[in-house]
Amino acid sequence: MTKYEMLYILDSALTDEAKEAIIKKFEDLVTGNGGVVEKTDRWGVKKLCYPINYKSEGYYVLMNFEAEKSLVVEIKRVAGITDGIIRRLITKI
């Protein structure tokens, strides 16, 4: 398995419960498909460099995990259709 990190930005207007639900959704997606979540860092609300969808702040989350390449493709797909995610970036470590 290969190590990856996923940095994603959630809409800062979401409730704390909704933010935690999305974070848990991605952790469960990794572990449910044979991957391992090493750690999840919640960076909190930060100002964006430029407005995205008329929003100037976002809630940053960094997740380090190990998975197969096919799982990374699935994570990208799910992140693209999940409401509340402004941006996401997955990189190989």
PDB file of N, CA and C in Angstrom:
ATOM      1  N   MET A   1       0.839  -1.179   0.000  1.00  0.00           N
ATOM      2  CA  MET A   1       0.000   0.000   0.000  1.00  0.00           C
ATOM      3  C   MET A   1       0.894   1.255   0.000  1.00  0.00           C
ATOM      4  N   THR A   2       0.358   2.310  -0.549  1.00  0.00           N
ATOM      5  CA  THR A   2       1.075   3.564  -0.675  1.00  0.00           C
ATOM      6  C   THR A   2       0.527   4.579   0.316  1.00  0.00           C
ATOM      7  N   LYS A   3       1.413   5.459   0.800  1.00  0.00           N
ATOM      8  CA  LYS A   3       0.985   6.505   1.744  1.00  0.00           C
ATOM      9  C   LYS A   3       0.536   7.732   0.971  1.00  0.00           C
ATOM     10  N   TYR A   4      -0.577   8.311   1.420  1.00  0.00           N
ATOM     11  CA  TYR A   4      -1.145   9.501   0.815  1.00  0.00           C
ATOM     12  C   TYR A   4      -1.525  10.488   1.906  1.00  0.00           C
ATOM     13  N   GLU A   5      -1.701  11.744   1.501  1.00  0.00           N
ATOM     14  CA  GLU A   5      -2.327  12.711   2.380  1.00  0.00           C
ATOM     15  C   GLU A   5      -3.393  13.444   1.589  1.00  0.00           C
ATOM     16  N   MET A   6      -4.489  13.709   2.265  1.00  0.00           N
ATOM     17  CA  MET A   6      -5.610  14.397   1.640  1.00  0.00           C
ATOM     18  C   MET A   6      -5.891  15.650   2.447  1.00  0.00           C
ATOM     19  N   LEU A   7      -5.763  16.796   1.789  1.00  0.00           N
ATOM     20  CA  LEU A   7      -6.122  18.057   2.405  1.00  0.00           C
ATOM     21  C   LEU A   7      -7.429  18.501   1.778  1.00  0.00           C
ATOM     22  N   TYR A   8      -8.436  18.701   2.590  1.00  0.00           N
ATOM     23  CA  TYR A   8      -9.702  19.162   2.053  1.00  0.00           C
ATOM     24  C   TYR A   8     -10.247  20.302   2.896  1.00  0.00           C
ATOM     25  N   ILE A   9     -11.028  21.155   2.216  1.00  0.00           N
ATOM     26  CA  ILE A   9     -11.583  22.344   2.842  1.00  0.00           C
ATOM     27  C   ILE A   9     -13.096  22.198   2.882  1.00  0.00           C
ATOM     28  N   LEU A  10     -13.639  22.301   4.078  1.00  0.00           N
ATOM     29  CA  LEU A  10     -15.085  22.230   4.268  1.00  0.00           C
ATOM     30  C   LEU A  10     -15.652  23.639   4.367  1.00  0.00           C
ATOM     31  N   ASP A  11     -16.915  23.763   4.050  1.00  0.00           N
ATOM     32  CA  ASP A  11     -17.612  25.032   4.184  1.00  0.00           C
ATOM     33  C   ASP A  11     -17.644  25.405   5.664  1.00  0.00           C
ATOM     34  N   SER A  12     -17.167  26.596   6.007  1.00  0.00           N
ATOM     35  CA  SER A  12     -17.103  26.999   7.415  1.00  0.00           C
ATOM     36  C   SER A  12     -18.484  27.260   8.008  1.00  0.00           C
ATOM     37  N   ALA A  13     -19.504  27.383   7.157  1.00  0.00           N
ATOM     38  CA  ALA A  13     -20.865  27.619   7.657  1.00  0.00           C
ATOM     39  C   ALA A  13     -21.542  26.341   8.156  1.00  0.00           C
ATOM     40  N   LEU A  14     -20.935  25.179   7.917  1.00  0.00           N
ATOM     41  CA  LEU A  14     -21.517  23.923   8.387  1.00  0.00           C
ATOM     42  C   LEU A  14     -21.481  23.863   9.906  1.00  0.00           C
ATOM     43  N   THR A  15     -22.417  23.136  10.480  1.00  0.00           N
ATOM     44  CA  THR A  15     -22.407  22.936  11.929  1.00  0.00           C
ATOM     45  C   THR A  15     -21.265  21.989  12.292  1.00  0.00           C
ATOM     46  N   ASP A  16     -20.892  21.992  13.566  1.00  0.00           N
ATOM     47  CA  ASP A  16     -19.815  21.111  14.018  1.00  0.00           C
ATOM     48  C   ASP A  16     -20.165  19.645  13.785  1.00  0.00           C
ATOM     49  N   GLU A  17     -21.438  19.289  13.969  1.00  0.00           N
ATOM     50  CA  GLU A  17     -21.865  17.908  13.755  1.00  0.00           C
ATOM     51  C   GLU A  17     -21.723  17.518  12.286  1.00  0.00           C
ATOM     52  N   ALA A  18     -22.058  18.431  11.387  1.00  0.00           N
ATOM     53  CA  ALA A  18     -21.948  18.150   9.952  1.00  0.00           C
ATOM     54  C   ALA A  18     -20.492  17.999   9.543  1.00  0.00           C
ATOM     55  N   LYS A  19     -19.612  18.838  10.097  1.00  0.00           N
ATOM     56  CA  LYS A  19     -18.176  18.730   9.802  1.00  0.00           C
ATOM     57  C   LYS A  19     -17.633  17.386  10.269  1.00  0.00           C
ATOM     58  N   GLU A  20     -17.976  17.005  11.494  1.00  0.00           N
ATOM     59  CA  GLU A  20     -17.505  15.726  12.028  1.00  0.00           C
ATOM     60  C   GLU A  20     -18.061  14.556  11.226  1.00  0.00           C
ATOM     61  N   ALA A  21     -19.289  14.675  10.742  1.00  0.00           N
ATOM     62  CA  ALA A  21     -19.890  13.604   9.938  1.00  0.00           C
ATOM     63  C   ALA A  21     -19.129  13.422   8.625  1.00  0.00           C
ATOM     64  N   ILE A  22     -18.722  14.515   7.998  1.00  0.00           N
ATOM     65  CA  ILE A  22     -17.966  14.412   6.741  1.00  0.00           C
ATOM     66  C   ILE A  22     -16.585  13.831   7.000  1.00  0.00           C
ATOM     67  N   ILE A  23     -15.933  14.264   8.073  1.00  0.00           N
ATOM     68  CA  ILE A  23     -14.600  13.732   8.414  1.00  0.00           C
ATOM     69  C   ILE A  23     -14.700  12.242   8.678  1.00  0.00           C
ATOM     70  N   LYS A  24     -15.707  11.823   9.440  1.00  0.00           N
ATOM     71  CA  LYS A  24     -15.893  10.399   9.737  1.00  0.00           C
ATOM     72  C   LYS A  24     -16.219   9.618   8.464  1.00  0.00           C
ATOM     73  N   LYS A  25     -16.953  10.223   7.557  1.00  0.00           N
ATOM     74  CA  LYS A  25     -17.306   9.574   6.290  1.00  0.00           C
ATOM     75  C   LYS A  25     -16.054   9.187   5.512  1.00  0.00           C
ATOM     76  N   PHE A  26     -15.081  10.092   5.439  1.00  0.00           N
ATOM     77  CA  PHE A  26     -13.862   9.788   4.696  1.00  0.00           C
ATOM     78  C   PHE A  26     -12.952   8.820   5.441  1.00  0.00           C
ATOM     79  N   GLU A  27     -12.907   8.908   6.768  1.00  0.00           N
ATOM     80  CA  GLU A  27     -12.137   7.929   7.541  1.00  0.00           C
ATOM     81  C   GLU A  27     -12.730   6.536   7.368  1.00  0.00           C
ATOM     82  N   ASP A  28     -14.057   6.430   7.409  1.00  0.00           N
ATOM     83  CA  ASP A  28     -14.720   5.138   7.232  1.00  0.00           C
ATOM     84  C   ASP A  28     -14.556   4.613   5.815  1.00  0.00           C
ATOM     85  N   LEU A  29     -14.525   5.506   4.835  1.00  0.00           N
ATOM     86  CA  LEU A  29     -14.325   5.098   3.446  1.00  0.00           C
ATOM     87  C   LEU A  29     -12.953   4.447   3.277  1.00  0.00           C
ATOM     88  N   VAL A  30     -11.944   5.014   3.916  1.00  0.00           N
ATOM     89  CA  VAL A  30     -10.590   4.446   3.822  1.00  0.00           C
ATOM     90  C   VAL A  30     -10.515   3.114   4.548  1.00  0.00           C
ATOM     91  N   THR A  31     -10.967   3.070   5.792  1.00  0.00           N
ATOM     92  CA  THR A  31     -10.846   1.839   6.577  1.00  0.00           C
ATOM     93  C   THR A  31     -11.772   0.742   6.062  1.00  0.00           C
ATOM     94  N   GLY A  32     -12.915   1.112   5.522  1.00  0.00           N
ATOM     95  CA  GLY A  32     -13.851   0.118   5.003  1.00  0.00           C
ATOM     96  C   GLY A  32     -13.392  -0.549   3.723  1.00  0.00           C
ATOM     97  N   ASN A  33     -12.431   0.054   3.031  1.00  0.00           N
ATOM     98  CA  ASN A  33     -11.922  -0.519   1.785  1.00  0.00           C
ATOM     99  C   ASN A  33     -10.489  -1.017   1.913  1.00  0.00           C
ATOM    100  N   GLY A  34     -10.083  -1.358   3.121  1.00  0.00           N
ATOM    101  CA  GLY A  34      -8.790  -1.986   3.325  1.00  0.00           C
ATOM    102  C   GLY A  34      -7.634  -1.035   3.554  1.00  0.00           C
ATOM    103  N   GLY A  35      -7.896   0.254   3.684  1.00  0.00           N
ATOM    104  CA  GLY A  35      -6.841   1.226   3.944  1.00  0.00           C
ATOM    105  C   GLY A  35      -6.670   1.461   5.437  1.00  0.00           C
ATOM    106  N   VAL A  36      -5.661   2.268   5.767  1.00  0.00           N
ATOM    107  CA  VAL A  36      -5.377   2.583   7.159  1.00  0.00           C
ATOM    108  C   VAL A  36      -5.252   4.100   7.295  1.00  0.00           C
ATOM    109  N   VAL A  37      -6.042   4.679   8.204  1.00  0.00           N
ATOM    110  CA  VAL A  37      -5.933   6.110   8.491  1.00  0.00           C
ATOM    111  C   VAL A  37      -4.881   6.279   9.582  1.00  0.00           C
ATOM    112  N   GLU A  38      -3.789   6.969   9.262  1.00  0.00           N
ATOM    113  CA  GLU A  38      -2.727   7.179  10.248  1.00  0.00           C
ATOM    114  C   GLU A  38      -3.088   8.286  11.230  1.00  0.00           C
ATOM    115  N   LYS A  39      -3.547   9.430  10.690  1.00  0.00           N
ATOM    116  CA  LYS A  39      -3.997  10.505  11.573  1.00  0.00           C
ATOM    117  C   LYS A  39      -4.836  11.491  10.783  1.00  0.00           C
ATOM    118  N   THR A  40      -5.665  12.217  11.515  1.00  0.00           N
ATOM    119  CA  THR A  40      -6.503  13.262  10.936  1.00  0.00           C
ATOM    120  C   THR A  40      -6.311  14.519  11.758  1.00  0.00           C
ATOM    121  N   ASP A  41      -5.778  15.553  11.117  1.00  0.00           N
ATOM    122  CA  ASP A  41      -5.560  16.838  11.780  1.00  0.00           C
ATOM    123  C   ASP A  41      -6.648  17.811  11.364  1.00  0.00           C
ATOM    124  N   ARG A  42      -7.298  18.385  12.341  1.00  0.00           N
ATOM    125  CA  ARG A  42      -8.307  19.414  12.084  1.00  0.00           C
ATOM    126  C   ARG A  42      -7.638  20.764  12.313  1.00  0.00           C
ATOM    127  N   TRP A  43      -7.376  21.483  11.223  1.00  0.00           N
ATOM    128  CA  TRP A  43      -6.681  22.764  11.326  1.00  0.00           C
ATOM    129  C   TRP A  43      -7.615  23.891  11.727  1.00  0.00           C
ATOM    130  N   GLY A  44      -8.892  23.716  11.538  1.00  0.00           N
ATOM    131  CA  GLY A  44      -9.853  24.738  11.916  1.00  0.00           C
ATOM    132  C   GLY A  44     -10.146  25.715  10.790  1.00  0.00           C
ATOM    133  N   VAL A  45     -10.816  26.799  11.140  1.00  0.00           N
ATOM    134  CA  VAL A  45     -11.241  27.791  10.155  1.00  0.00           C
ATOM    135  C   VAL A  45     -10.081  28.722   9.831  1.00  0.00           C
ATOM    136  N   LYS A  46      -9.805  28.857   8.540  1.00  0.00           N
ATOM    137  CA  LYS A  46      -8.744  29.740   8.056  1.00  0.00           C
ATOM    138  C   LYS A  46      -9.283  30.548   6.882  1.00  0.00           C
ATOM    139  N   LYS A  47      -8.690  31.687   6.662  1.00  0.00           N
ATOM    140  CA  LYS A  47      -9.074  32.548   5.550  1.00  0.00           C
ATOM    141  C   LYS A  47      -8.519  31.955   4.256  1.00  0.00           C
ATOM    142  N   LEU A  48      -9.342  31.929   3.220  1.00  0.00           N
ATOM    143  CA  LEU A  48      -8.918  31.441   1.914  1.00  0.00           C
ATOM    144  C   LEU A  48      -8.106  32.527   1.199  1.00  0.00           C
ATOM    145  N   CYS A  49      -7.197  32.115   0.314  1.00  0.00           N
ATOM    146  CA  CYS A  49      -6.393  33.078  -0.441  1.00  0.00           C
ATOM    147  C   CYS A  49      -7.241  33.882  -1.414  1.00  0.00           C
ATOM    148  N   TYR A  50      -8.270  33.248  -1.925  1.00  0.00           N
ATOM    149  CA  TYR A  50      -9.193  33.906  -2.850  1.00  0.00           C
ATOM    150  C   TYR A  50     -10.574  33.308  -2.621  1.00  0.00           C
ATOM    151  N   PRO A  51     -11.626  34.055  -2.907  1.00  0.00           N
ATOM    152  CA  PRO A  51     -12.981  33.539  -2.671  1.00  0.00           C
ATOM    153  C   PRO A  51     -13.293  32.324  -3.555  1.00  0.00           C
ATOM    154  N   ILE A  52     -13.906  31.329  -2.960  1.00  0.00           N
ATOM    155  CA  ILE A  52     -14.366  30.143  -3.683  1.00  0.00           C
ATOM    156  C   ILE A  52     -15.864  30.042  -3.436  1.00  0.00           C
ATOM    157  N   ASN A  53     -16.643  30.073  -4.490  1.00  0.00           N
ATOM    158  CA  ASN A  53     -18.108  30.049  -4.382  1.00  0.00           C
ATOM    159  C   ASN A  53     -18.612  31.135  -3.427  1.00  0.00           C
ATOM    160  N   TYR A  54     -18.022  32.315  -3.517  1.00  0.00           N
ATOM    161  CA  TYR A  54     -18.386  33.484  -2.714  1.00  0.00           C
ATOM    162  C   TYR A  54     -18.114  33.289  -1.225  1.00  0.00           C
ATOM    163  N   LYS A  55     -17.241  32.370  -0.883  1.00  0.00           N
ATOM    164  CA  LYS A  55     -16.883  32.142   0.524  1.00  0.00           C
ATOM    165  C   LYS A  55     -15.428  32.574   0.721  1.00  0.00           C
ATOM    166  N   SER A  56     -15.156  33.213   1.848  1.00  0.00           N
ATOM    167  CA  SER A  56     -13.800  33.700   2.098  1.00  0.00           C
ATOM    168  C   SER A  56     -13.090  32.920   3.210  1.00  0.00           C
ATOM    169  N   GLU A  57     -13.797  31.990   3.880  1.00  0.00           N
ATOM    170  CA  GLU A  57     -13.196  31.168   4.927  1.00  0.00           C
ATOM    171  C   GLU A  57     -13.578  29.712   4.720  1.00  0.00           C
ATOM    172  N   GLY A  58     -12.708  28.831   5.190  1.00  0.00           N
ATOM    173  CA  GLY A  58     -12.980  27.408   5.098  1.00  0.00           C
ATOM    174  C   GLY A  58     -12.399  26.666   6.285  1.00  0.00           C
ATOM    175  N   TYR A  59     -12.913  25.476   6.541  1.00  0.00           N
ATOM    176  CA  TYR A  59     -12.460  24.614   7.637  1.00  0.00           C
ATOM    177  C   TYR A  59     -11.528  23.573   7.036  1.00  0.00           C
ATOM    178  N   TYR A  60     -10.238  23.640   7.372  1.00  0.00           N
ATOM    179  CA  TYR A  60      -9.223  22.775   6.774  1.00  0.00           C
ATOM    180  C   TYR A  60      -9.068  21.474   7.565  1.00  0.00           C
ATOM    181  N   VAL A  61      -8.940  20.365   6.834  1.00  0.00           N
ATOM    182  CA  VAL A  61      -8.722  19.050   7.452  1.00  0.00           C
ATOM    183  C   VAL A  61      -7.629  18.338   6.660  1.00  0.00           C
ATOM    184  N   LEU A  62      -6.631  17.778   7.349  1.00  0.00           N
ATOM    185  CA  LEU A  62      -5.562  17.002   6.718  1.00  0.00           C
ATOM    186  C   LEU A  62      -5.639  15.573   7.228  1.00  0.00           C
ATOM    187  N   MET A  63      -5.777  14.620   6.298  1.00  0.00           N
ATOM    188  CA  MET A  63      -5.867  13.204   6.656  1.00  0.00           C
ATOM    189  C   MET A  63      -4.716  12.453   6.005  1.00  0.00           C
ATOM    190  N   ASN A  64      -3.898  11.773   6.807  1.00  0.00           N
ATOM    191  CA  ASN A  64      -2.829  10.914   6.301  1.00  0.00           C
ATOM    192  C   ASN A  64      -3.318   9.472   6.345  1.00  0.00           C
ATOM    193  N   PHE A  65      -3.125   8.753   5.231  1.00  0.00           N
ATOM    194  CA  PHE A  65      -3.623   7.383   5.172  1.00  0.00           C
ATOM    195  C   PHE A  65      -2.789   6.542   4.213  1.00  0.00           C
ATOM    196  N   GLU A  66      -2.949   5.221   4.328  1.00  0.00           N
ATOM    197  CA  GLU A  66      -2.339   4.256   3.412  1.00  0.00           C
ATOM    198  C   GLU A  66      -3.460   3.553   2.676  1.00  0.00           C
ATOM    199  N   ALA A  67      -3.296   3.425   1.341  1.00  0.00           N
ATOM    200  CA  ALA A  67      -4.349   2.789   0.552  1.00  0.00           C
ATOM    201  C   ALA A  67      -3.807   2.395  -0.809  1.00  0.00           C
ATOM    202  N   GLU A  68      -4.611   1.618  -1.531  1.00  0.00           N
ATOM    203  CA  GLU A  68      -4.310   1.267  -2.916  1.00  0.00           C
ATOM    204  C   GLU A  68      -4.756   2.410  -3.830  1.00  0.00           C
ATOM    205  N   LYS A  69      -4.211   2.454  -5.029  1.00  0.00           N
ATOM    206  CA  LYS A  69      -4.538   3.519  -5.970  1.00  0.00           C
ATOM    207  C   LYS A  69      -6.017   3.533  -6.333  1.00  0.00           C
ATOM    208  N   SER A  70      -6.629   2.359  -6.433  1.00  0.00           N
ATOM    209  CA  SER A  70      -8.051   2.308  -6.785  1.00  0.00           C
ATOM    210  C   SER A  70      -8.922   2.987  -5.725  1.00  0.00           C
ATOM    211  N   LEU A  71      -8.514   2.929  -4.466  1.00  0.00           N
ATOM    212  CA  LEU A  71      -9.259   3.587  -3.400  1.00  0.00           C
ATOM    213  C   LEU A  71      -9.128   5.108  -3.501  1.00  0.00           C
ATOM    214  N   VAL A  72      -7.968   5.590  -3.916  1.00  0.00           N
ATOM    215  CA  VAL A  72      -7.767   7.032  -4.074  1.00  0.00           C
ATOM    216  C   VAL A  72      -8.710   7.585  -5.142  1.00  0.00           C
ATOM    217  N   VAL A  73      -8.893   6.836  -6.219  1.00  0.00           N
ATOM    218  CA  VAL A  73      -9.826   7.249  -7.269  1.00  0.00           C
ATOM    219  C   VAL A  73     -11.244   7.339  -6.706  1.00  0.00           C
ATOM    220  N   GLU A  74     -11.619   6.385  -5.874  1.00  0.00           N
ATOM    221  CA  GLU A  74     -12.952   6.393  -5.259  1.00  0.00           C
ATOM    222  C   GLU A  74     -13.110   7.573  -4.289  1.00  0.00           C
ATOM    223  N   ILE A  75     -12.062   7.879  -3.520  1.00  0.00           N
ATOM    224  CA  ILE A  75     -12.116   9.004  -2.590  1.00  0.00           C
ATOM    225  C   ILE A  75     -12.303  10.308  -3.360  1.00  0.00           C
ATOM    226  N   LYS A  76     -11.598  10.465  -4.474  1.00  0.00           N
ATOM    227  CA  LYS A  76     -11.752  11.670  -5.298  1.00  0.00           C
ATOM    228  C   LYS A  76     -13.177  11.792  -5.817  1.00  0.00           C
ATOM    229  N   ARG A  77     -13.753  10.677  -6.224  1.00  0.00           N
ATOM    230  CA  ARG A  77     -15.120  10.687  -6.738  1.00  0.00           C
ATOM    231  C   ARG A  77     -16.111  11.096  -5.656  1.00  0.00           C
ATOM    232  N   VAL A  78     -15.967  10.491  -4.486  1.00  0.00           N
ATOM    233  CA  VAL A  78     -16.882  10.783  -3.382  1.00  0.00           C
ATOM    234  C   VAL A  78     -16.721  12.236  -2.921  1.00  0.00           C
ATOM    235  N   ALA A  79     -15.485  12.732  -2.867  1.00  0.00           N
ATOM    236  CA  ALA A  79     -15.259  14.118  -2.457  1.00  0.00           C
ATOM    237  C   ALA A  79     -15.869  15.095  -3.456  1.00  0.00           C
ATOM    238  N   GLY A  80     -15.884  14.718  -4.715  1.00  0.00           N
ATOM    239  CA  GLY A  80     -16.447  15.589  -5.736  1.00  0.00           C
ATOM    240  C   GLY A  80     -17.958  15.735  -5.649  1.00  0.00           C
ATOM    241  N   ILE A  81     -18.630  14.730  -5.102  1.00  0.00           N
ATOM    242  CA  ILE A  81     -20.091  14.769  -5.034  1.00  0.00           C
ATOM    243  C   ILE A  81     -20.624  15.035  -3.627  1.00  0.00           C
ATOM    244  N   THR A  82     -19.727  15.236  -2.660  1.00  0.00           N
ATOM    245  CA  THR A  82     -20.143  15.488  -1.289  1.00  0.00           C
ATOM    246  C   THR A  82     -20.411  16.975  -1.084  1.00  0.00           C
ATOM    247  N   ASP A  83     -21.612  17.293  -0.635  1.00  0.00           N
ATOM    248  CA  ASP A  83     -21.943  18.683  -0.328  1.00  0.00           C
ATOM    249  C   ASP A  83     -21.144  19.128   0.890  1.00  0.00           C
ATOM    250  N   GLY A  84     -20.674  20.343   0.859  1.00  0.00           N
ATOM    251  CA  GLY A  84     -19.920  20.884   1.986  1.00  0.00           C
ATOM    252  C   GLY A  84     -18.434  20.919   1.758  1.00  0.00           C
ATOM    253  N   ILE A  85     -17.929  20.190   0.767  1.00  0.00           N
ATOM    254  CA  ILE A  85     -16.502  20.225   0.458  1.00  0.00           C
ATOM    255  C   ILE A  85     -16.268  21.276  -0.616  1.00  0.00           C
ATOM    256  N   ILE A  86     -15.411  22.240  -0.269  1.00  0.00           N
ATOM    257  CA  ILE A  86     -15.100  23.319  -1.218  1.00  0.00           C
ATOM    258  C   ILE A  86     -13.989  22.878  -2.159  1.00  0.00           C
ATOM    259  N   ARG A  87     -12.896  22.346  -1.612  1.00  0.00           N
ATOM    260  CA  ARG A  87     -11.763  21.876  -2.409  1.00  0.00           C
ATOM    261  C   ARG A  87     -11.160  20.655  -1.746  1.00  0.00           C
ATOM    262  N   ARG A  88     -10.422  19.860  -2.550  1.00  0.00           N
ATOM    263  CA  ARG A  88      -9.697  18.717  -2.001  1.00  0.00           C
ATOM    264  C   ARG A  88      -8.453  18.489  -2.844  1.00  0.00           C
ATOM    265  N   LEU A  89      -7.409  17.968  -2.206  1.00  0.00           N
ATOM    266  CA  LEU A  89      -6.159  17.646  -2.877  1.00  0.00           C
ATOM    267  C   LEU A  89      -5.593  16.401  -2.233  1.00  0.00           C
ATOM    268  N   ILE A  90      -5.320  15.386  -3.055  1.00  0.00           N
ATOM    269  CA  ILE A  90      -4.736  14.143  -2.562  1.00  0.00           C
ATOM    270  C   ILE A  90      -3.358  14.011  -3.188  1.00  0.00           C
ATOM    271  N   THR A  91      -2.324  13.839  -2.364  1.00  0.00           N
ATOM    272  CA  THR A  91      -0.955  13.694  -2.857  1.00  0.00           C
ATOM    273  C   THR A  91      -0.321  12.449  -2.268  1.00  0.00           C
ATOM    274  N   LYS A  92       0.579  11.877  -3.050  1.00  0.00           N
ATOM    275  CA  LYS A  92       1.328  10.700  -2.601  1.00  0.00           C
ATOM    276  C   LYS A  92       2.519  11.188  -1.785  1.00  0.00           C
ATOM    277  N   ILE A  93       2.749  10.573  -0.643  1.00  0.00           N
ATOM    278  CA  ILE A  93       3.877  10.965   0.220  1.00  0.00           C
ATOM    279  C   ILE A  93       5.112  10.190  -0.205  1.00  0.00           C
TER     280      ILE A  93
END
